Amino acid sequence: MKGSKIRWGILGCGRIARKFAADLRLVDDAELTAIASRNKETLELFAKDFPCKYQYNSYEALAMNGEVDVIYIATPHSHHYEHTMLCLNHDKAVLCEKAFAINSRQAGEMIKNAKERKVFLMEALWTKFLPHYKKLQELLQRKALGDIKSVLVNFGFKTSDKSPQRLFNPLLGGGSLLDIGIYNVFIAINVLGKPDLIEATMIPSSTGVDEQIAVLFKYNNGAMAQLFSSFVTNLPTQAEINGTEGCITLTTRFYEPSATIQLSKKIPYEREVIAVEKEPGFGYHYEARHVNECLKKGLIESPVMTHADTLLLMEILDTIRNKARIEYPQDKL
C-alpha cells in the first residue's frame, strides 16, 4: 500500500461487480485501480462506467499488478477457489464473494493458503456489515426477545428467460441453496449457532440442481430453524426470529440494507419499527470500509467475518447438500 488510498482491483465485471464498484466510490480511502474480464465487450462497458488506470482481459495480469493492494472476486462461485488461489499466490489480499467456495474442502485450502502466505482473505458476506444487521445483533445480545425458540426464513423469486443461466448450471454451482439459500443459513446460525441436527429435501430442476429446497435445523435446547429457498415462486423474502418474550421480523429483502426491523412484544402483535441509520448506496461500501481498516492494521483475517465463520457456514452447506443429494463436479476432484 502506498499513500492513504487502498488500491482495489475487481476480478469479474458482472452485475454484482458493478454494484460494488459504484459503492467503492463512497469509501473515502478506496480507489478503483484495475479491473479484469475475459469478455472484451463486458470489460469495455465496465471501464466506460467505472474508469480506472488498468483494464485487463487476463485475470493473471490483474493478480500480477504491483499497484493493486486488494482484489474483489465477483465471478461465479464455481470459480472462486481458482481465482482466490491465483490472487493469493501473487500476494494479493482478497475479498471473495459468497458463496466463498463450492465446498468446505475448497474453503479450507483457500484459508490455509492465505494463512501460510500471511495475506488477508475474507468472504464477502455483506449482510454482516449492514446497519440493520448490527442493530439486530444488539437487540439479541440484550435479550430483547428472551430465549430464541425459532427462526423462520424464506428467500425466493421466479426466474425467467432473462435470468442468468448460471442459476441452473451445475458446472457453475447453480441452484437456489448456494445462490440465495446461503443467506437463510447465515441468519439461522448467526442467531442460533451450529445446529445439532440438520434435515433437508429439495426439488431438482431439469439440470439436476435444486430449484427449491427446504431445510430444518434442530437444537438440543429445543430451538428450531425452518429455511426455504426457491427459484420457481416469488416469496416475501423475510426472516422471523421468535423468542419467549417477543419476535423480530426482518422485512422484505432481509439481507439488504433496505430491510426494516419490526419488533413485536405483545399479543395481538403491535409492531414497532426500530430506527436504523442508513447511507446512500447499495450497501457494499460497509464491507469495503471494513476490509480497508483490516489492511491498514496489517490483519490477515477479519475479526467480524472470521475464517472460522466461513468454514462453519461452508461445512453446514455441505451437510445440507449431502442430505438433499445435491452434487457438483467439483465435489469429485
C-alpha atoms as a PDB file:
ATOM      1  CA  MET A   1       0.000   0.000   0.000  1.00  0.00           C
ATOM      2  CA  LYS A   2       1.192   3.472  -0.895  1.00  0.00           C
ATOM      3  CA  GLY A   3      -0.310   6.715   0.306  1.00  0.00           C
ATOM      4  CA  SER A   4      -3.642   6.998   2.079  1.00  0.00           C
ATOM      5  CA  LYS A   5      -5.694   5.110  -0.511  1.00  0.00           C
ATOM      6  CA  ILE A   6      -6.297   1.370  -0.621  1.00  0.00           C
ATOM      7  CA  ARG A   7      -5.983   0.393  -4.288  1.00  0.00           C
ATOM      8  CA  TRP A   8      -8.664  -2.065  -5.397  1.00  0.00           C
ATOM      9  CA  GLY A   9      -8.879  -4.448  -8.294  1.00  0.00           C
ATOM     10  CA  ILE A  10     -12.090  -6.176  -9.422  1.00  0.00           C
ATOM     11  CA  LEU A  11     -11.916  -9.644 -10.956  1.00  0.00           C
ATOM     12  CA  GLY A  12     -15.066 -10.292 -12.999  1.00  0.00           C
ATOM     13  CA  CYS A  13     -17.218  -7.457 -14.330  1.00  0.00           C
ATOM     14  CA  GLY A  14     -20.796  -8.688 -13.948  1.00  0.00           C
ATOM     15  CA  ARG A  15     -23.835  -7.277 -12.141  1.00  0.00           C
ATOM     16  CA  ILE A  16     -22.516  -7.639  -8.586  1.00  0.00           C
ATOM     17  CA  ALA A  17     -19.165  -6.143  -9.583  1.00  0.00           C
ATOM     18  CA  ARG A  18     -20.964  -3.077 -10.928  1.00  0.00           C
ATOM     19  CA  LYS A  19     -22.761  -2.517  -7.633  1.00  0.00           C
ATOM     20  CA  PHE A  20     -19.538  -2.988  -5.709  1.00  0.00           C
ATOM     21  CA  ALA A  21     -17.651  -0.559  -7.966  1.00  0.00           C
ATOM     22  CA  ALA A  22     -20.401   2.040  -7.552  1.00  0.00           C
ATOM     23  CA  ASP A  23     -20.252   1.717  -3.757  1.00  0.00           C
ATOM     24  CA  LEU A  24     -16.451   1.841  -3.734  1.00  0.00           C
ATOM     25  CA  ARG A  25     -16.823   5.491  -4.744  1.00  0.00           C
ATOM     26  CA  LEU A  26     -18.444   6.072  -1.344  1.00  0.00           C
ATOM     27  CA  VAL A  27     -15.360   4.827   0.520  1.00  0.00           C
ATOM     28  CA  ASP A  28     -13.038   7.778   1.137  1.00  0.00           C
ATOM     29  CA  ASP A  29      -9.831   5.770   1.410  1.00  0.00           C
ATOM     30  CA  ALA A  30     -10.533   3.445  -1.546  1.00  0.00           C
ATOM     31  CA  GLU A  31      -9.548   3.758  -5.176  1.00  0.00           C
ATOM     32  CA  LEU A  32     -10.519   1.519  -8.093  1.00  0.00           C
ATOM     33  CA  THR A  33      -7.207   0.899  -9.834  1.00  0.00           C
ATOM     34  CA  ALA A  34      -7.739  -2.128 -12.080  1.00  0.00           C
ATOM     35  CA  ILE A  35     -10.434  -4.392 -13.489  1.00  0.00           C
ATOM     36  CA  ALA A  36     -10.346  -7.674 -15.381  1.00  0.00           C
ATOM     37  CA  SER A  37     -12.820  -9.604 -17.518  1.00  0.00           C
ATOM     38  CA  ARG A  38     -12.230 -12.290 -20.101  1.00  0.00           C
ATOM     39  CA  ASN A  39     -15.076 -10.819 -22.153  1.00  0.00           C
ATOM     40  CA  LYS A  40     -13.728  -7.819 -24.093  1.00  0.00           C
ATOM     41  CA  GLU A  41     -17.120  -6.173 -24.585  1.00  0.00           C
ATOM     42  CA  THR A  42     -18.033  -6.542 -20.908  1.00  0.00           C
ATOM     43  CA  LEU A  43     -14.674  -5.093 -19.908  1.00  0.00           C
ATOM     44  CA  GLU A  44     -15.057  -2.071 -22.190  1.00  0.00           C
ATOM     45  CA  LEU A  45     -18.574  -1.304 -20.951  1.00  0.00           C
ATOM     46  CA  PHE A  46     -17.467  -1.631 -17.330  1.00  0.00           C
ATOM     47  CA  ALA A  47     -14.456   0.625 -17.882  1.00  0.00           C
ATOM     48  CA  LYS A  48     -16.679   3.230 -19.514  1.00  0.00           C
ATOM     49  CA  ASP A  49     -18.922   3.385 -16.432  1.00  0.00           C
ATOM     50  CA  PHE A  50     -16.120   2.914 -13.896  1.00  0.00           C
ATOM     51  CA  PRO A  51     -12.904   4.417 -15.292  1.00  0.00           C
ATOM     52  CA  CYS A  52      -9.662   3.151 -13.790  1.00  0.00           C
ATOM     53  CA  LYS A  53      -5.965   3.056 -14.624  1.00  0.00           C
ATOM     54  CA  TYR A  54      -5.763  -0.579 -15.783  1.00  0.00           C
ATOM     55  CA  GLN A  55      -8.145  -2.845 -17.737  1.00  0.00           C
ATOM     56  CA  TYR A  56      -7.212  -6.455 -18.418  1.00  0.00           C
ATOM     57  CA  ASN A  57      -8.593  -9.371 -20.430  1.00  0.00           C
ATOM     58  CA  SER A  58      -6.457 -11.589 -18.226  1.00  0.00           C
ATOM     59  CA  TYR A  59      -7.064 -12.403 -14.569  1.00  0.00           C
ATOM     60  CA  GLU A  60      -3.380 -13.283 -14.248  1.00  0.00           C
ATOM     61  CA  ALA A  61      -2.384  -9.779 -15.355  1.00  0.00           C
ATOM     62  CA  LEU A  62      -4.614  -8.275 -12.676  1.00  0.00           C
ATOM     63  CA  ALA A  63      -3.130 -10.525  -9.986  1.00  0.00           C
ATOM     64  CA  MET A  64       0.397  -9.538 -11.061  1.00  0.00           C
ATOM     65  CA  ASN A  65      -0.232  -5.781 -10.958  1.00  0.00           C
ATOM     66  CA  GLY A  66       2.005  -4.332  -8.267  1.00  0.00           C
ATOM     67  CA  GLU A  67      -0.200  -1.247  -7.925  1.00  0.00           C
ATOM     68  CA  VAL A  68      -3.166  -3.270  -6.627  1.00  0.00           C
ATOM     69  CA  ASP A  69      -3.499  -3.895  -2.879  1.00  0.00           C
ATOM     70  CA  VAL A  70      -6.676  -5.976  -2.725  1.00  0.00           C
ATOM     71  CA  ILE A  71      -8.867  -7.787  -5.244  1.00  0.00           C
ATOM     72  CA  TYR A  72     -12.626  -8.241  -5.070  1.00  0.00           C
ATOM     73  CA  ILE A  73     -13.598 -11.538  -6.714  1.00  0.00           C
ATOM     74  CA  ALA A  74     -17.000 -11.321  -8.383  1.00  0.00           C
ATOM     75  CA  THR A  75     -17.029 -14.375 -10.645  1.00  0.00           C
ATOM     76  CA  PRO A  76     -19.486 -17.311 -10.205  1.00  0.00           C
ATOM     77  CA  HIS A  77     -18.793 -19.252  -7.004  1.00  0.00           C
ATOM     78  CA  SER A  78     -17.744 -22.278  -9.068  1.00  0.00           C
ATOM     79  CA  HIS A  79     -14.570 -20.306  -9.880  1.00  0.00           C
ATOM     80  CA  HIS A  80     -13.892 -18.677  -6.509  1.00  0.00           C
ATOM     81  CA  TYR A  81     -11.341 -21.315  -5.496  1.00  0.00           C
ATOM     82  CA  GLU A  82      -9.316 -20.926  -8.685  1.00  0.00           C
ATOM     83  CA  HIS A  83      -9.420 -17.136  -8.719  1.00  0.00           C
ATOM     84  CA  THR A  84      -8.764 -16.694  -4.995  1.00  0.00           C
ATOM     85  CA  MET A  85      -5.758 -19.012  -5.163  1.00  0.00           C
ATOM     86  CA  LEU A  86      -4.445 -17.084  -8.169  1.00  0.00           C
ATOM     87  CA  CYS A  87      -4.601 -13.804  -6.270  1.00  0.00           C
ATOM     88  CA  LEU A  88      -3.216 -15.197  -3.024  1.00  0.00           C
ATOM     89  CA  ASN A  89      -0.304 -16.783  -4.868  1.00  0.00           C
ATOM     90  CA  HIS A  90       0.592 -13.297  -6.088  1.00  0.00           C
ATOM     91  CA  ASP A  91       0.316 -11.989  -2.504  1.00  0.00           C
ATOM     92  CA  LYS A  92      -2.842 -10.030  -3.170  1.00  0.00           C
ATOM     93  CA  ALA A  93      -5.373  -9.512  -0.391  1.00  0.00           C
ATOM     94  CA  VAL A  94      -8.766 -10.926  -1.360  1.00  0.00           C
ATOM     95  CA  LEU A  95     -12.412 -10.135  -0.694  1.00  0.00           C
ATOM     96  CA  CYS A  96     -14.244 -13.114  -2.219  1.00  0.00           C
ATOM     97  CA  GLU A  97     -17.971 -13.032  -2.943  1.00  0.00           C
ATOM     98  CA  LYS A  98     -20.278 -15.555  -1.366  1.00  0.00           C
ATOM     99  CA  ALA A  99     -20.671 -18.450  -1.659  1.00  0.00           C
ATOM    100  CA  PHE A 100     -16.982 -18.478  -0.711  1.00  0.00           C
ATOM    101  CA  ALA A 101     -16.414 -21.785  -2.497  1.00  0.00           C
ATOM    102  CA  ILE A 102     -18.277 -24.837  -3.759  1.00  0.00           C
ATOM    103  CA  ASN A 103     -17.490 -26.884  -0.654  1.00  0.00           C
ATOM    104  CA  SER A 104     -15.658 -26.779   2.662  1.00  0.00           C
ATOM    105  CA  ARG A 105     -12.633 -28.633   1.244  1.00  0.00           C
ATOM    106  CA  GLN A 106     -12.003 -25.787  -1.178  1.00  0.00           C
ATOM    107  CA  ALA A 107     -12.677 -23.196   1.525  1.00  0.00           C
ATOM    108  CA  GLY A 108     -10.186 -24.855   3.866  1.00  0.00           C
ATOM    109  CA  GLU A 109      -7.473 -24.868   1.225  1.00  0.00           C
ATOM    110  CA  MET A 110      -8.093 -21.198   0.390  1.00  0.00           C
ATOM    111  CA  ILE A 111      -7.838 -20.194   4.048  1.00  0.00           C
ATOM    112  CA  LYS A 112      -4.776 -22.385   4.630  1.00  0.00           C
ATOM    113  CA  ASN A 113      -3.001 -20.728   1.698  1.00  0.00           C
ATOM    114  CA  ALA A 114      -3.849 -17.237   2.962  1.00  0.00           C
ATOM    115  CA  LYS A 115      -2.546 -18.017   6.454  1.00  0.00           C
ATOM    116  CA  GLU A 116       0.658 -19.580   5.166  1.00  0.00           C
ATOM    117  CA  ARG A 117       1.343 -16.601   2.905  1.00  0.00           C
ATOM    118  CA  LYS A 118       0.187 -14.121   5.594  1.00  0.00           C
ATOM    119  CA  VAL A 119      -2.234 -12.490   3.138  1.00  0.00           C
ATOM    120  CA  PHE A 120      -5.636 -11.053   4.039  1.00  0.00           C
ATOM    121  CA  LEU A 121      -8.670 -13.105   2.960  1.00  0.00           C
ATOM    122  CA  MET A 122     -12.355 -12.552   3.749  1.00  0.00           C
ATOM    123  CA  GLU A 123     -15.687 -13.839   2.494  1.00  0.00           C
ATOM    124  CA  ALA A 124     -17.864 -11.002   1.174  1.00  0.00           C
ATOM    125  CA  LEU A 125     -20.979 -11.804   3.159  1.00  0.00           C
ATOM    126  CA  TRP A 126     -22.055  -8.177   3.092  1.00  0.00           C
ATOM    127  CA  THR A 127     -25.156  -8.625   5.269  1.00  0.00           C
ATOM    128  CA  LYS A 128     -22.974  -8.976   8.360  1.00  0.00           C
ATOM    129  CA  PHE A 129     -21.742  -5.399   7.943  1.00  0.00           C
ATOM    130  CA  LEU A 130     -25.075  -3.685   7.255  1.00  0.00           C
ATOM    131  CA  PRO A 131     -26.590  -1.278   9.827  1.00  0.00           C
ATOM    132  CA  HIS A 132     -29.836  -3.206  10.297  1.00  0.00           C
ATOM    133  CA  TYR A 133     -27.951  -6.452  10.913  1.00  0.00           C
ATOM    134  CA  LYS A 134     -25.754  -4.766  13.521  1.00  0.00           C
ATOM    135  CA  LYS A 135     -28.907  -3.433  15.197  1.00  0.00           C
ATOM    136  CA  LEU A 136     -30.373  -6.943  15.172  1.00  0.00           C
ATOM    137  CA  GLN A 137     -27.277  -8.236  16.952  1.00  0.00           C
ATOM    138  CA  GLU A 138     -27.625  -5.518  19.601  1.00  0.00           C
ATOM    139  CA  LEU A 139     -31.250  -6.489  20.258  1.00  0.00           C
ATOM    140  CA  LEU A 140     -30.396 -10.173  20.536  1.00  0.00           C
ATOM    141  CA  GLN A 141     -27.398  -9.569  22.795  1.00  0.00           C
ATOM    142  CA  ARG A 142     -29.513  -7.670  25.295  1.00  0.00           C
ATOM    143  CA  LYS A 143     -32.130 -10.439  25.237  1.00  0.00           C
ATOM    144  CA  ALA A 144     -34.891  -8.219  23.816  1.00  0.00           C
ATOM    145  CA  LEU A 145     -36.753 -11.384  22.767  1.00  0.00           C
ATOM    146  CA  GLY A 146     -35.896 -13.549  25.751  1.00  0.00           C
ATOM    147  CA  ASP A 147     -34.735 -17.039  24.742  1.00  0.00           C
ATOM    148  CA  ILE A 148     -34.853 -17.618  20.974  1.00  0.00           C
ATOM    149  CA  LYS A 149     -37.017 -20.625  20.118  1.00  0.00           C
ATOM    150  CA  SER A 150     -37.466 -20.463  16.359  1.00  0.00           C
ATOM    151  CA  VAL A 151     -36.128 -18.842  13.202  1.00  0.00           C
ATOM    152  CA  LEU A 152     -38.190 -18.837  10.008  1.00  0.00           C
ATOM    153  CA  VAL A 153     -36.560 -17.579   6.804  1.00  0.00           C
ATOM    154  CA  ASN A 154     -37.662 -17.640   3.173  1.00  0.00           C
ATOM    155  CA  PHE A 155     -35.973 -16.321   0.041  1.00  0.00           C
ATOM    156  CA  GLY A 156     -37.444 -16.888  -3.396  1.00  0.00           C
ATOM    157  CA  PHE A 157     -38.062 -15.388  -6.802  1.00  0.00           C
ATOM    158  CA  LYS A 158     -39.486 -16.758 -10.006  1.00  0.00           C
ATOM    159  CA  THR A 159     -36.817 -16.987 -12.675  1.00  0.00           C
ATOM    160  CA  SER A 160     -37.456 -16.111 -16.309  1.00  0.00           C
ATOM    161  CA  ASP A 161     -35.731 -16.374 -19.673  1.00  0.00           C
ATOM    162  CA  LYS A 162     -33.835 -13.214 -18.737  1.00  0.00           C
ATOM    163  CA  SER A 163     -32.410 -14.722 -15.540  1.00  0.00           C
ATOM    164  CA  PRO A 164     -28.694 -15.643 -15.558  1.00  0.00           C
ATOM    165  CA  GLN A 165     -28.188 -19.130 -16.955  1.00  0.00           C
ATOM    166  CA  ARG A 166     -25.635 -19.860 -14.223  1.00  0.00           C
ATOM    167  CA  LEU A 167     -28.529 -20.222 -11.746  1.00  0.00           C
ATOM    168  CA  PHE A 168     -29.306 -23.673 -13.158  1.00  0.00           C
ATOM    169  CA  ASN A 169     -25.874 -24.705 -14.422  1.00  0.00           C
ATOM    170  CA  PRO A 170     -24.248 -27.373 -12.215  1.00  0.00           C
ATOM    171  CA  LEU A 171     -20.818 -26.555 -13.676  1.00  0.00           C
ATOM    172  CA  LEU A 172     -21.223 -23.037 -12.261  1.00  0.00           C
ATOM    173  CA  GLY A 173     -22.523 -24.164  -8.860  1.00  0.00           C
ATOM    174  CA  GLY A 174     -26.133 -23.438  -9.779  1.00  0.00           C
ATOM    175  CA  GLY A 175     -29.138 -23.997  -7.535  1.00  0.00           C
ATOM    176  CA  SER A 176     -31.052 -21.947  -5.003  1.00  0.00           C
ATOM    177  CA  LEU A 177     -29.076 -23.072  -1.938  1.00  0.00           C
ATOM    178  CA  LEU A 178     -25.667 -21.632  -2.817  1.00  0.00           C
ATOM    179  CA  ASP A 179     -27.076 -18.594  -4.607  1.00  0.00           C
ATOM    180  CA  ILE A 180     -29.789 -17.332  -2.242  1.00  0.00           C
ATOM    181  CA  GLY A 181     -30.410 -20.014   0.403  1.00  0.00           C
ATOM    182  CA  ILE A 182     -26.983 -19.251   1.834  1.00  0.00           C
ATOM    183  CA  TYR A 183     -28.473 -16.084   3.352  1.00  0.00           C
ATOM    184  CA  ASN A 184     -31.112 -18.169   5.144  1.00  0.00           C
ATOM    185  CA  VAL A 185     -28.456 -20.454   6.594  1.00  0.00           C
ATOM    186  CA  PHE A 186     -26.274 -17.494   7.551  1.00  0.00           C
ATOM    187  CA  ILE A 187     -29.055 -15.798   9.524  1.00  0.00           C
ATOM    188  CA  ALA A 188     -30.048 -19.024  11.298  1.00  0.00           C
ATOM    189  CA  ILE A 189     -26.558 -19.948  12.500  1.00  0.00           C
ATOM    190  CA  ASN A 190     -25.773 -16.365  13.494  1.00  0.00           C
ATOM    191  CA  VAL A 191     -28.869 -16.320  15.700  1.00  0.00           C
ATOM    192  CA  LEU A 192     -28.926 -19.896  16.998  1.00  0.00           C
ATOM    193  CA  GLY A 193     -25.421 -21.219  16.343  1.00  0.00           C
ATOM    194  CA  LYS A 194     -24.401 -24.556  14.875  1.00  0.00           C
ATOM    195  CA  PRO A 195     -27.383 -26.935  14.690  1.00  0.00           C
ATOM    196  CA  ASP A 196     -27.297 -30.307  16.416  1.00  0.00           C
ATOM    197  CA  LEU A 197     -29.374 -31.938  13.680  1.00  0.00           C
ATOM    198  CA  ILE A 198     -29.930 -30.980  10.026  1.00  0.00           C
ATOM    199  CA  GLU A 199     -32.651 -32.230   7.707  1.00  0.00           C
ATOM    200  CA  ALA A 200     -33.086 -31.149   4.082  1.00  0.00           C
ATOM    201  CA  THR A 201     -35.004 -32.034   0.956  1.00  0.00           C
ATOM    202  CA  MET A 202     -35.050 -30.439  -2.472  1.00  0.00           C
ATOM    203  CA  ILE A 203     -36.894 -30.398  -5.783  1.00  0.00           C
ATOM    204  CA  PRO A 204     -34.443 -30.688  -8.688  1.00  0.00           C
ATOM    205  CA  SER A 205     -34.590 -28.591 -11.843  1.00  0.00           C
ATOM    206  CA  SER A 206     -34.189 -30.159 -15.265  1.00  0.00           C
ATOM    207  CA  THR A 207     -30.405 -29.724 -14.903  1.00  0.00           C
ATOM    208  CA  GLY A 208     -30.314 -31.508 -11.552  1.00  0.00           C
ATOM    209  CA  VAL A 209     -29.591 -28.548  -9.292  1.00  0.00           C
ATOM    210  CA  ASP A 210     -32.092 -27.532  -6.618  1.00  0.00           C
ATOM    211  CA  GLU A 211     -34.842 -25.220  -7.825  1.00  0.00           C
ATOM    212  CA  GLN A 212     -36.416 -25.389  -4.348  1.00  0.00           C
ATOM    213  CA  ILE A 213     -35.001 -26.587  -1.056  1.00  0.00           C
ATOM    214  CA  ALA A 214     -36.418 -26.887   2.452  1.00  0.00           C
ATOM    215  CA  VAL A 215     -34.034 -27.090   5.405  1.00  0.00           C
ATOM    216  CA  LEU A 216     -34.715 -27.799   9.073  1.00  0.00           C
ATOM    217  CA  PHE A 217     -32.260 -27.161  11.911  1.00  0.00           C
ATOM    218  CA  LYS A 218     -32.856 -28.705  15.324  1.00  0.00           C
ATOM    219  CA  TYR A 219     -31.078 -27.755  18.550  1.00  0.00           C
ATOM    220  CA  ASN A 220     -30.730 -29.699  21.766  1.00  0.00           C
ATOM    221  CA  ASN A 221     -32.056 -26.688  23.712  1.00  0.00           C
ATOM    222  CA  GLY A 222     -35.409 -27.026  21.938  1.00  0.00           C
ATOM    223  CA  ALA A 223     -34.901 -24.315  19.304  1.00  0.00           C
ATOM    224  CA  MET A 224     -35.558 -24.870  15.603  1.00  0.00           C
ATOM    225  CA  ALA A 225     -34.953 -23.080  12.301  1.00  0.00           C
ATOM    226  CA  GLN A 226     -37.020 -23.565   9.160  1.00  0.00           C
ATOM    227  CA  LEU A 227     -35.414 -22.324   5.944  1.00  0.00           C
ATOM    228  CA  PHE A 228     -36.832 -22.302   2.418  1.00  0.00           C
ATOM    229  CA  SER A 229     -35.437 -21.020  -0.878  1.00  0.00           C
ATOM    230  CA  SER A 230     -36.910 -21.155  -4.350  1.00  0.00           C
ATOM    231  CA  PHE A 231     -36.302 -20.236  -7.981  1.00  0.00           C
ATOM    232  CA  VAL A 232     -39.899 -21.005  -9.020  1.00  0.00           C
ATOM    233  CA  THR A 233     -42.007 -18.799  -6.721  1.00  0.00           C
ATOM    234  CA  ASN A 234     -41.902 -15.205  -5.527  1.00  0.00           C
ATOM    235  CA  LEU A 235     -41.625 -15.307  -1.730  1.00  0.00           C
ATOM    236  CA  PRO A 236     -41.817 -12.492   0.853  1.00  0.00           C
ATOM    237  CA  THR A 237     -38.061 -12.956   1.396  1.00  0.00           C
ATOM    238  CA  GLN A 238     -38.087 -12.105   5.059  1.00  0.00           C
ATOM    239  CA  ALA A 239     -36.734 -13.504   8.313  1.00  0.00           C
ATOM    240  CA  GLU A 240     -38.650 -14.010  11.530  1.00  0.00           C
ATOM    241  CA  ILE A 241     -36.908 -14.556  14.855  1.00  0.00           C
ATOM    242  CA  ASN A 242     -39.154 -15.705  17.691  1.00  0.00           C
ATOM    243  CA  GLY A 243     -38.342 -15.738  21.391  1.00  0.00           C
ATOM    244  CA  THR A 244     -40.101 -16.269  24.696  1.00  0.00           C
ATOM    245  CA  GLU A 245     -40.599 -12.502  25.109  1.00  0.00           C
ATOM    246  CA  GLY A 246     -41.399 -11.376  21.561  1.00  0.00           C
ATOM    247  CA  CYS A 247     -40.373 -11.605  17.924  1.00  0.00           C
ATOM    248  CA  ILE A 248     -38.407  -9.665  15.327  1.00  0.00           C
ATOM    249  CA  THR A 249     -39.240  -9.570  11.642  1.00  0.00           C
ATOM    250  CA  LEU A 250     -36.637  -8.507   9.097  1.00  0.00           C
ATOM    251  CA  THR A 251     -38.868  -7.345   6.274  1.00  0.00           C
ATOM    252  CA  THR A 252     -38.681  -7.942   2.532  1.00  0.00           C
ATOM    253  CA  ARG A 253     -35.152  -8.472   1.228  1.00  0.00           C
ATOM    254  CA  PHE A 254     -33.961  -9.142   4.777  1.00  0.00           C
ATOM    255  CA  TYR A 255     -30.362  -9.485   3.616  1.00  0.00           C
ATOM    256  CA  GLU A 256     -30.171  -5.970   2.083  1.00  0.00           C
ATOM    257  CA  PRO A 257     -29.917  -2.518   3.697  1.00  0.00           C
ATOM    258  CA  SER A 258     -33.452  -1.754   2.503  1.00  0.00           C
ATOM    259  CA  ALA A 259     -34.889  -4.170   5.094  1.00  0.00           C
ATOM    260  CA  THR A 260     -36.555  -2.822   8.225  1.00  0.00           C
ATOM    261  CA  ILE A 261     -36.658  -4.316  11.717  1.00  0.00           C
ATOM    262  CA  GLN A 262     -40.096  -4.810  13.236  1.00  0.00           C
ATOM    263  CA  LEU A 263     -40.196  -5.695  16.922  1.00  0.00           C
ATOM    264  CA  SER A 264     -43.319  -7.241  18.463  1.00  0.00           C
ATOM    265  CA  LYS A 265     -43.610  -7.664  22.224  1.00  0.00           C
ATOM    266  CA  LYS A 266     -47.354  -8.107  22.723  1.00  0.00           C
ATOM    267  CA  ILE A 267     -50.186 -10.320  21.502  1.00  0.00           C
ATOM    268  CA  PRO A 268     -52.073  -9.390  19.417  1.00  0.00           C
ATOM    269  CA  TYR A 269     -48.932  -8.151  17.738  1.00  0.00           C
ATOM    270  CA  GLU A 270     -48.165  -4.453  17.889  1.00  0.00           C
ATOM    271  CA  ARG A 271     -45.215  -3.944  15.608  1.00  0.00           C
ATOM    272  CA  GLU A 272     -42.613  -1.314  16.475  1.00  0.00           C
ATOM    273  CA  VAL A 273     -40.287  -0.299  13.642  1.00  0.00           C
ATOM    274  CA  ILE A 274     -36.743   0.005  15.013  1.00  0.00           C
ATOM    275  CA  ALA A 275     -34.957   3.040  13.578  1.00  0.00           C
ATOM    276  CA  VAL A 276     -31.672   2.350  11.791  1.00  0.00           C
ATOM    277  CA  GLU A 277     -29.466   4.989  10.182  1.00  0.00           C
ATOM    278  CA  LYS A 278     -28.696   4.191   6.553  1.00  0.00           C
ATOM    279  CA  GLU A 279     -26.350   5.671   3.984  1.00  0.00           C
ATOM    280  CA  PRO A 280     -26.821   6.059   0.226  1.00  0.00           C
ATOM    281  CA  GLY A 281     -25.565   3.223  -1.943  1.00  0.00           C
ATOM    282  CA  PHE A 282     -26.282  -0.450  -2.485  1.00  0.00           C
ATOM    283  CA  GLY A 283     -24.626  -1.478   0.789  1.00  0.00           C
ATOM    284  CA  TYR A 284     -21.315  -2.929  -0.369  1.00  0.00           C
ATOM    285  CA  HIS A 285     -19.351   0.064   0.921  1.00  0.00           C
ATOM    286  CA  TYR A 286     -19.724  -1.146   4.509  1.00  0.00           C
ATOM    287  CA  GLU A 287     -17.716  -4.323   3.896  1.00  0.00           C
ATOM    288  CA  ALA A 288     -15.231  -2.447   1.683  1.00  0.00           C
ATOM    289  CA  ARG A 289     -14.551   0.021   4.505  1.00  0.00           C
ATOM    290  CA  HIS A 290     -14.014  -2.871   6.889  1.00  0.00           C
ATOM    291  CA  VAL A 291     -11.512  -4.509   4.537  1.00  0.00           C
ATOM    292  CA  ASN A 292      -9.623  -1.216   4.260  1.00  0.00           C
ATOM    293  CA  GLU A 293      -9.480  -0.979   8.052  1.00  0.00           C
ATOM    294  CA  CYS A 294      -8.144  -4.528   8.304  1.00  0.00           C
ATOM    295  CA  LEU A 295      -5.461  -3.898   5.677  1.00  0.00           C
ATOM    296  CA  LYS A 296      -4.306  -0.700   7.365  1.00  0.00           C
ATOM    297  CA  LYS A 297      -3.936  -2.636  10.628  1.00  0.00           C
ATOM    298  CA  GLY A 298      -1.941  -5.377   8.882  1.00  0.00           C
ATOM    299  CA  LEU A 299      -4.525  -8.077   9.617  1.00  0.00           C
ATOM    300  CA  ILE A 300      -4.800 -11.248   7.556  1.00  0.00           C
ATOM    301  CA  GLU A 301      -8.256 -12.117   8.904  1.00  0.00           C
ATOM    302  CA  SER A 302     -11.360 -10.084   9.656  1.00  0.00           C
ATOM    303  CA  PRO A 303     -12.443 -10.033  13.300  1.00  0.00           C
ATOM    304  CA  VAL A 304     -16.069  -9.711  12.104  1.00  0.00           C
ATOM    305  CA  MET A 305     -16.291 -12.272   9.265  1.00  0.00           C
ATOM    306  CA  THR A 306     -13.663 -14.698  10.521  1.00  0.00           C
ATOM    307  CA  HIS A 307     -12.200 -17.697   8.747  1.00  0.00           C
ATOM    308  CA  ALA A 308     -13.952 -19.877  11.331  1.00  0.00           C
ATOM    309  CA  ASP A 309     -17.273 -18.236  10.397  1.00  0.00           C
ATOM    310  CA  THR A 310     -16.698 -19.051   6.736  1.00  0.00           C
ATOM    311  CA  LEU A 311     -15.658 -22.645   7.410  1.00  0.00           C
ATOM    312  CA  LEU A 312     -18.687 -23.272   9.648  1.00  0.00           C
ATOM    313  CA  LEU A 313     -21.039 -21.883   7.013  1.00  0.00           C
ATOM    314  CA  MET A 314     -19.442 -23.982   4.261  1.00  0.00           C
ATOM    315  CA  GLU A 315     -19.500 -27.139   6.408  1.00  0.00           C
ATOM    316  CA  ILE A 316     -23.204 -26.677   7.140  1.00  0.00           C
ATOM    317  CA  LEU A 317     -23.914 -26.070   3.443  1.00  0.00           C
ATOM    318  CA  ASP A 318     -22.030 -29.305   2.683  1.00  0.00           C
ATOM    319  CA  THR A 319     -24.211 -31.196   5.173  1.00  0.00           C
ATOM    320  CA  ILE A 320     -27.383 -29.712   3.696  1.00  0.00           C
ATOM    321  CA  ARG A 321     -26.292 -30.686   0.187  1.00  0.00           C
ATOM    322  CA  ASN A 322     -25.457 -34.196   1.374  1.00  0.00           C
ATOM    323  CA  LYS A 323     -28.882 -34.577   2.997  1.00  0.00           C
ATOM    324  CA  ALA A 324     -30.651 -33.184  -0.089  1.00  0.00           C
ATOM    325  CA  ARG A 325     -28.393 -35.066  -2.534  1.00  0.00           C
ATOM    326  CA  ILE A 326     -27.028 -32.030  -4.328  1.00  0.00           C
ATOM    327  CA  GLU A 327     -23.707 -32.727  -6.031  1.00  0.00           C
ATOM    328  CA  TYR A 328     -21.356 -30.668  -8.184  1.00  0.00           C
ATOM    329  CA  PRO A 329     -18.481 -31.820 -10.405  1.00  0.00           C
ATOM    330  CA  GLN A 330     -16.010 -30.053  -8.082  1.00  0.00           C
ATOM    331  CA  ASP A 331     -17.034 -32.364  -5.223  1.00  0.00           C
ATOM    332  CA  LYS A 332     -15.335 -35.284  -7.001  1.00  0.00           C
ATOM    333  CA  LEU A 333     -11.971 -33.588  -7.525  1.00  0.00           C
END
